[in-house]
Protein backbone atom coordinates (compact mmCIF):
# COMPACT_ATOMS: atom_id res chain seq x y z
CA MET A 1 -14.88 25.12 -2.00
CA ASN A 2 -16.81 24.08 -4.86
CA ARG A 3 -19.69 21.06 -4.27
CA TRP A 4 -16.95 18.77 -6.08
CA ILE A 5 -14.40 19.12 -3.38
CA LEU A 6 -17.35 19.46 -0.61
CA SER A 7 -18.72 15.75 -1.87
CA SER A 8 -15.31 14.03 -2.34
CA ILE A 9 -14.32 14.82 1.32
CA ILE A 10 -17.88 13.83 2.74
CA LEU A 11 -17.54 10.58 0.89
CA VAL A 12 -14.22 9.48 2.04
CA ALA A 13 -15.23 10.63 5.76
CA LEU A 14 -18.11 8.40 5.15
CA ILE A 15 -16.24 5.61 4.35
CA ALA A 16 -13.72 6.18 7.01
CA GLY A 17 -16.43 5.78 9.60
CA GLN A 18 -17.60 2.71 8.26
CA ALA A 19 -13.75 1.65 9.19
CA ALA A 20 -13.66 3.30 12.56
CA ARG A 21 -17.04 1.31 13.50
CA ALA A 22 -15.34 -1.69 12.22
CA GLN A 23 -12.40 -1.29 15.60
CA THR A 24 -13.40 -3.61 18.52
CA VAL A 25 -13.42 -2.94 22.28
CA ASP A 26 -13.40 -5.10 24.93
CA SER A 27 -15.38 -5.20 28.39
CA GLN A 28 -13.40 -2.20 29.48
CA GLY A 29 -14.09 0.09 26.68
CA VAL A 30 -10.19 -0.55 25.33
CA ASN A 31 -9.65 -0.82 21.63
CA MET A 32 -8.49 -4.34 21.03
CA LYS A 33 -5.65 -4.86 18.35
CA LYS A 34 -8.02 -7.33 16.22
CA THR A 35 -4.51 -8.92 15.25
CA GLY A 36 -5.08 -11.64 12.67
CA GLN A 37 -8.61 -10.96 11.92
CA SER A 38 -8.36 -9.69 8.48
CA THR A 39 -7.72 -12.08 5.69
CA MET A 40 -5.72 -11.14 2.33
CA ASN A 41 -3.10 -9.43 4.14
CA PHE A 42 -0.87 -9.12 1.28
CA LEU A 43 -2.86 -5.98 0.16
CA GLN A 44 -1.02 -4.01 3.02
CA VAL A 45 2.31 -5.04 1.66
CA GLY A 46 4.29 -1.64 0.00
CA VAL A 47 5.42 -2.03 -3.04
CA VAL A 48 6.78 1.34 -3.87
CA PRO A 49 10.26 1.92 -2.35
CA ASP A 50 9.83 5.72 -2.09
CA ALA A 51 7.21 5.31 0.28
CA THR A 52 8.25 2.62 2.25
CA ALA A 53 11.93 4.53 3.04
CA LEU A 54 9.52 7.45 4.10
CA GLY A 55 7.92 4.86 6.28
CA ASP A 56 4.60 4.75 4.37
CA ALA A 57 3.78 8.28 4.87
CA TYR A 58 2.64 8.91 1.31
CA THR A 59 -0.77 9.76 0.74
CA ALA A 60 -0.25 13.37 0.38
CA LEU A 61 3.23 13.05 -1.57
CA GLY A 62 2.95 10.15 -3.93
CA GLN A 63 2.30 11.39 -7.59
CA GLY A 64 1.73 9.12 -10.81
CA ILE A 65 1.87 6.05 -11.47
CA ARG A 66 3.46 5.14 -8.18
CA SER A 67 0.65 7.19 -6.30
CA VAL A 68 -1.89 3.80 -7.15
CA PHE A 69 -0.87 1.73 -4.95
CA PHE A 70 -1.20 4.60 -1.84
CA ASN A 71 -3.66 7.08 -2.97
CA PRO A 72 -5.30 6.81 -6.12
CA ALA A 73 -5.55 11.09 -6.21
CA GLY A 74 -2.01 11.09 -6.93
CA LEU A 75 -2.17 9.64 -10.40
CA ALA A 76 -4.00 13.35 -11.66
CA GLU A 77 -0.72 15.01 -10.90
CA MET A 78 0.93 13.12 -14.18
CA THR A 79 3.50 15.85 -15.95
CA ASN A 80 4.66 13.24 -19.11
CA ARG A 81 2.03 11.55 -21.10
CA PHE A 82 2.62 7.99 -20.33
CA GLU A 83 4.67 6.66 -16.71
CA PHE A 84 5.65 2.61 -16.82
CA PHE A 85 6.65 1.25 -13.09
CA PHE A 86 7.99 -1.80 -12.39
CA SER A 87 9.29 -2.96 -8.68
CA ASN A 88 10.68 -5.87 -6.91
CA THR A 89 10.17 -6.70 -2.82
CA GLU A 90 11.91 -9.50 -1.16
CA TRP A 91 9.55 -9.97 1.49
CA ILE A 92 10.18 -12.28 4.87
CA ALA A 93 9.94 -15.79 4.51
CA ASP A 94 11.08 -16.01 1.13
CA ILE A 95 7.57 -14.33 -0.09
CA ARG A 96 8.24 -11.74 -3.26
CA TYR A 97 6.10 -9.19 -4.58
CA LEU A 98 6.43 -8.05 -8.17
CA ALA A 99 4.32 -4.77 -8.90
CA ASP A 100 3.94 -2.99 -12.27
CA GLY A 101 1.96 0.13 -13.75
CA ILE A 102 1.44 1.80 -16.84
CA ALA A 103 -0.48 5.13 -17.06
CA TRP A 104 -1.97 7.78 -19.41
CA ASN A 105 -2.33 11.35 -19.12
CA LEU A 106 -5.49 12.32 -20.74
CA ASN A 107 -4.95 16.16 -19.84
CA ASN A 108 -8.08 17.80 -19.12
CA TYR A 109 -10.08 14.40 -19.16
CA GLY A 110 -7.79 13.54 -15.94
CA ALA A 111 -5.18 9.85 -16.08
CA ILE A 112 -6.06 6.40 -16.14
CA GLY A 113 -3.59 3.97 -15.36
CA LEU A 114 -3.40 0.05 -14.98
CA SER A 115 -1.33 -1.82 -12.21
CA MET A 116 -0.79 -5.50 -11.24
CA VAL A 117 0.84 -6.83 -7.79
CA HIS A 118 1.73 -10.94 -7.85
CA VAL A 119 2.73 -12.50 -4.43
CA ASP A 120 4.92 -15.88 -4.70
CA TYR A 121 4.73 -17.41 -1.66
CA GLY A 122 7.59 -19.71 -2.26
CA ASP A 123 8.12 -23.19 -1.17
CA ILE A 124 4.74 -24.36 0.95
CA ILE A 125 5.02 -27.66 2.91
CA GLY A 126 1.52 -29.38 3.64
CA THR A 127 0.59 -31.19 6.85
CA ARG A 128 -2.35 -33.24 8.39
CA LEU A 129 -2.92 -34.27 11.68
CA ILE A 130 -2.43 -37.80 12.89
CA ALA A 131 -4.80 -40.25 14.59
CA ALA A 132 -4.83 -40.34 18.05
CA ASP A 133 -3.77 -43.57 18.17
CA GLU A 134 -0.68 -42.88 16.01
CA ILE A 135 0.61 -39.99 18.48
CA ALA A 136 2.55 -41.79 20.53
CA LEU A 137 4.71 -43.32 17.41
CA ASP A 138 4.93 -39.72 16.35
CA GLU A 139 5.53 -36.84 19.02
CA ILE A 140 4.70 -34.07 16.78
CA GLY A 141 1.37 -35.13 16.02
CA TYR A 142 1.42 -34.28 12.37
CA VAL A 143 2.64 -35.63 9.19
CA GLU A 144 4.11 -33.79 5.68
CA THR A 145 2.53 -34.44 2.95
CA GLY A 146 4.37 -32.84 0.32
CA MET A 147 4.51 -29.48 -1.79
CA VAL A 148 1.30 -27.63 -1.72
CA GLU A 149 0.22 -26.38 -5.07
CA ASN A 150 -1.57 -23.35 -6.27
CA VAL A 151 -0.38 -20.95 -3.54
CA GLY A 152 -0.16 -17.38 -4.60
CA ALA A 153 -2.23 -14.19 -4.40
CA TYR A 154 -2.59 -11.07 -7.35
CA ALA A 155 -4.41 -7.71 -7.76
CA LEU A 156 -5.27 -6.22 -10.91
CA GLY A 157 -6.00 -2.35 -10.63
CA LEU A 158 -7.78 -0.01 -12.96
CA THR A 159 -7.49 3.75 -11.45
CA TYR A 160 -8.96 6.84 -12.75
CA ALA A 161 -7.71 10.44 -11.69
CA ARG A 162 -9.18 13.58 -12.22
CA SER A 163 -7.95 18.05 -11.12
CA ILE A 164 -11.17 19.13 -10.14
CA SER A 165 -9.00 22.27 -10.01
CA THR A 166 -5.55 23.85 -9.80
CA LEU A 167 -5.59 22.75 -5.95
CA PHE A 168 -7.91 19.54 -5.63
CA LYS A 169 -7.09 16.10 -6.84
CA PHE A 170 -9.69 13.00 -6.77
CA GLY A 171 -9.21 9.52 -7.53
CA LEU A 172 -10.82 6.20 -7.69
CA SER A 173 -9.11 2.41 -7.98
CA MET A 174 -10.91 -0.99 -8.88
CA ARG A 175 -9.07 -4.12 -8.24
CA TYR A 176 -9.74 -7.30 -9.07
CA VAL A 177 -8.04 -9.23 -6.16
CA SER A 178 -7.57 -13.28 -5.94
CA GLN A 179 -5.91 -15.30 -3.24
CA GLN A 180 -4.91 -19.36 -3.77
CA LEU A 181 -4.13 -21.33 -0.14
CA GLY A 182 -3.85 -24.55 -1.87
CA GLN A 183 -6.40 -27.54 -1.47
CA ASN A 184 -7.72 -29.84 1.29
CA THR A 185 -9.34 -33.14 1.45
CA LEU A 186 -12.86 -32.65 3.42
CA ALA A 187 -15.44 -35.36 3.95
CA SER A 188 -17.28 -34.35 1.03
CA GLY A 189 -14.16 -34.42 -1.09
CA LEU A 190 -11.15 -31.94 -2.22
CA LYS A 191 -11.72 -28.25 -1.97
CA ASN A 192 -9.78 -25.49 -3.81
CA ASN A 193 -9.33 -22.60 -1.25
CA GLU A 194 -9.55 -19.69 -3.65
CA HIS A 195 -11.16 -16.34 -3.49
CA GLN A 196 -11.71 -13.77 -5.55
CA LEU A 197 -13.62 -10.23 -5.32
CA LEU A 198 -13.59 -6.34 -6.02
CA VAL A 199 -11.87 -3.81 -4.15
CA TYR A 200 -11.73 -0.07 -4.15
CA ASP A 201 -9.59 2.72 -3.07
CA LEU A 202 -10.49 6.38 -2.86
CA GLY A 203 -8.53 9.26 -2.37
CA VAL A 204 -8.63 13.24 -2.55
CA LYS A 205 -5.60 15.70 -2.10
CA TYR A 206 -5.50 19.32 -1.55
CA TYR A 207 -3.14 21.96 -1.74
CA THR A 208 -3.47 24.85 0.66
CA PRO A 209 -2.45 28.45 0.54
CA ILE A 210 0.23 27.69 2.76
CA GLU A 211 3.46 27.46 1.02
CA SER A 212 3.83 24.08 -0.45
CA PHE A 213 1.56 22.32 2.52
CA ARG A 214 -0.68 19.66 0.95
CA PHE A 215 -3.05 17.02 2.75
CA ALA A 216 -4.54 14.32 1.33
CA MET A 217 -7.04 11.38 2.57
CA SER A 218 -7.07 7.91 1.12
CA ILE A 219 -9.47 4.72 2.12
CA ARG A 220 -7.70 1.51 0.82
CA ASN A 221 -9.05 -2.17 0.46
CA PHE A 222 -13.01 -1.14 0.79
CA GLY A 223 -14.48 -4.24 -0.19
CA ASP A 224 -16.96 -7.32 0.34
CA ALA A 225 -15.73 -9.83 3.58
CA VAL A 226 -14.47 -13.40 2.73
CA LYS A 227 -16.24 -16.14 4.03
CA TYR A 228 -13.60 -19.29 4.84
CA GLU A 229 -15.60 -22.59 5.66
CA GLU A 230 -18.11 -21.03 8.59
CA ILE A 231 -16.07 -17.85 9.60
CA THR A 232 -16.48 -14.77 7.64
CA THR A 233 -13.61 -12.04 7.33
CA GLN A 234 -12.94 -8.53 6.62
CA LEU A 235 -10.23 -7.23 4.11
CA PRO A 236 -7.42 -5.06 5.67
CA MET A 237 -9.37 -2.00 5.00
CA THR A 238 -7.38 1.26 6.26
CA PHE A 239 -8.43 4.81 6.70
CA ALA A 240 -5.41 7.16 6.18
CA VAL A 241 -4.92 11.15 6.31
CA GLY A 242 -1.35 12.91 5.98
CA GLY A 243 0.20 16.11 5.21
CA VAL A 244 3.30 17.01 3.05
CA ILE A 245 5.45 20.31 3.52
CA ASP A 246 8.90 21.56 1.65
CA VAL A 247 10.93 22.53 4.77
CA LEU A 248 13.53 24.03 2.37
CA GLU A 249 10.61 26.12 0.93
CA VAL A 250 9.48 27.52 4.22
CA LEU A 251 12.81 28.07 6.01
CA SER A 252 15.14 29.08 3.30
CA PRO A 253 13.16 30.11 -0.19
CA ALA A 254 16.72 30.67 -1.55
CA GLN A 255 17.80 27.25 -1.27
CA GLY A 256 14.10 25.64 -2.98
CA GLY A 257 14.07 24.67 -6.80
CA GLU A 258 16.04 21.71 -7.37
CA ASN A 259 16.58 21.08 -4.10
CA SER A 260 13.86 20.25 -1.44
CA LEU A 261 14.01 19.00 1.76
CA ILE A 262 10.13 17.35 2.02
CA ALA A 263 8.79 16.47 5.51
CA SER A 264 5.61 13.89 5.88
CA MET A 265 3.67 12.72 8.65
CA GLU A 266 0.21 10.65 8.16
CA PHE A 267 -1.76 8.88 10.79
CA THR A 268 -3.69 5.59 9.42
CA HIS A 269 -6.57 3.57 11.23
CA PRO A 270 -6.60 -0.27 10.27
CA ASN A 271 -9.53 -2.22 10.91
CA ASN A 272 -7.10 -5.02 11.99
CA TYR A 273 -4.91 -3.30 14.46
CA THR A 274 -4.85 0.21 16.47
CA GLU A 275 -3.74 3.62 15.02
CA ARG A 276 -0.41 4.40 13.79
CA LEU A 277 1.97 7.37 12.74
CA HIS A 278 3.90 7.04 10.13
CA MET A 279 7.00 10.15 9.56
CA GLY A 280 9.44 10.40 6.81
CA LEU A 281 11.59 12.94 5.42
CA GLU A 282 13.06 13.16 1.65
CA TYR A 283 16.42 15.31 0.80
CA THR A 284 16.72 16.21 -2.84
CA LEU A 285 19.70 17.67 -4.60
CA GLY A 286 19.44 19.34 -7.96
CA ASN A 287 16.66 17.32 -8.70
CA MET A 288 18.54 14.11 -9.50
CA ILE A 289 19.22 12.45 -6.06
CA SER A 290 17.14 11.57 -3.14
CA VAL A 291 17.92 10.63 0.23
CA ARG A 292 15.01 9.12 2.30
CA VAL A 293 14.12 8.05 5.91
CA GLY A 294 11.21 6.93 7.63
CA TYR A 295 9.89 5.67 10.93
CA VAL A 296 6.06 3.62 11.82
CA THR A 297 4.88 3.69 15.25
CA ASN A 298 3.00 1.17 17.21
CA HIS A 299 4.08 -1.86 14.74
CA ASP A 300 4.57 -5.37 16.00
CA VAL A 301 8.04 -5.93 13.69
CA LYS A 302 8.18 -2.35 11.60
CA GLY A 303 10.30 0.71 12.85
CA TRP A 304 12.66 2.32 10.84
CA SER A 305 13.19 2.41 7.08
CA GLY A 306 15.53 4.18 4.57
CA GLY A 307 16.36 4.50 1.17
CA PHE A 308 17.65 6.54 -1.85
CA GLY A 309 16.48 7.42 -5.38
CA ILE A 310 18.19 8.74 -8.78
CA ARG A 311 16.52 10.64 -11.15
CA ARG A 312 17.67 11.37 -14.94
CA THR A 313 16.25 13.07 -17.96
CA ILE A 314 17.74 12.37 -21.36
CA GLY A 315 15.75 14.69 -24.30
CA GLY A 316 11.78 13.78 -23.69
CA LEU A 317 12.84 10.48 -21.78
CA SER A 318 13.28 10.57 -17.98
CA GLY A 319 14.04 7.74 -15.78
CA ASP A 320 13.68 6.82 -11.90
CA ILE A 321 15.43 4.08 -9.98
CA SER A 322 14.79 3.54 -6.27
CA TYR A 323 15.58 1.57 -3.41
CA SER A 324 14.53 1.03 0.04
CA TYR A 325 15.33 -0.98 3.08
CA SER A 326 13.07 -1.78 6.03
CA ASN A 327 14.26 -3.19 9.33
CA MET A 328 11.44 -5.96 10.66
CA ASP A 329 12.73 -6.61 13.94
CA ILE A 330 12.91 -10.17 14.56
CA PHE A 331 12.27 -11.13 10.55
CA ASP A 332 14.46 -10.89 7.77
CA ASN A 333 14.81 -7.20 6.72
CA VAL A 334 13.00 -6.25 3.24
CA ASN A 335 14.76 -4.86 0.38
CA ARG A 336 12.67 -3.11 -2.60
CA PHE A 337 13.70 -1.88 -5.72
CA ALA A 338 11.80 0.06 -8.67
CA VAL A 339 12.14 1.54 -12.14
CA THR A 340 10.16 4.28 -13.07
CA MET A 341 10.10 5.65 -16.84
CA ALA A 342 8.50 8.50 -18.16
CA PHE A 343 7.79 10.01 -21.55
């Protein structure tokens, strides 16, 4: 293991330690879930159907432009010169996510990618509390103030990744993140509830000598805290470590090649909840049609998910269409659709 590999793993582990220390314990020493104690949580929503169909067990699996939304190290595994990606996510409560990206393979110099995520929160109706002497006239205690303007969020990202060796990949993303939460009237006047900052993702991926098994680690959403009035709130930083193997290659090598059965498992440690386990299976037939299923443990609303992908190559142009469905328990279920083009 050369010094690049060792240095990269140590760096990810050190930042992971920062995430682990952010976990809060109660008076009995039991980990608290810290639900609702992070901000800009739109950064945690998956926008890649291939990943969400597998229960988000994607840190060790993602390759090319789609990997920049999970583990930037996967960008180094581009096999084409250029890749384009676009996805649409119909989230709960009429919230919509649009994501796109473009990547350029620089061969021996690595790969570079640009990405964007835009969040449309839909129609938001504002309210204000009424005076104490007016509550008797209105039992609900508030009045509507009309539609709230300037509500939304976006993230613009720049990613660089490189293969340090044939077995080891390293990647780093820097994103400019902004969230707008409308305006409110204070004694000092009108205030815009808007924040911008830089957020970083760091990832590594290592291919072991054991068949197709590889493992990966990533830190997502590493950045400064955000201050709202008198409260300082952390970003939803997440440490992830996962592994992937082609089961067909191990059990039945003769059926390998264009057919595969990928098993992916991932452990995540978010700073706004307790640890989770993500699991996914992907069966690909003829390197053209993929069927996926996944599950997330220890989540308030998410559980199982599924989806499919269709891949075709014509001449020097290849295209991939993917879809995922996520069961969200008490909320509306979530549908995602994406198109990837490469040449």
